Amino acid sequence: MFDLNTAGARQALRMQQPDEEMEVQVRYQGRIVDITFLPDEDGTQPTDPNDRPVTDEQAKGWLRGEWWYHHIMVHIRNHDGSEIDDVKATCDSYSRLPSFAEPYDIIVRLCDDLLKEQPF
C-alpha cells in the first residue's frame, strides 16, 4: 500500500493488461481506498460517444490492438480498512477510459467526490 499523493502513485495506477482485472490499495486523506481497474466488457469502440474522444490515428491504433478501453472503480474505506456504514456513497466509477490516457487525475477526483460525503 502506498499514498495516493506520492510521485510513484501516478506510475503504479495504470491498467497493465486489457483482459485482466487489477486491484490496488492506497492511502488518501486518512482513508484506505481500493482502486479496481476492470476490462471493458461493453464492446466500446473509438466511434462510440465518450468523454474522451480519440483521434483518427488513435482509432487506427485501437484497431491494431495497441490500446484498449477499461473502467475504474474507487471504493473508500475507514482508516483501518473497515467498511463505512454511515454515508450514502462509498464507491464511484469512471467508464470508457482509453488505456493510453492518464487515470491519476480521474482517480483523485473520484476520491475527492466521495470524501465530500464522509463525516470526519
Foldseek 3Di string as FASTA:
>chain_A
DEALPDPCNQVVPADDDQQDKDWDWHDYPLWIKIKIKHHDPPPDALVDDDPDHDDPVVNVCVVVVVKGWIKMKMFIDHNVRHHDDPFDDRMDMDGGDIRVDRCSVVRVVRVVVNCVRDDD
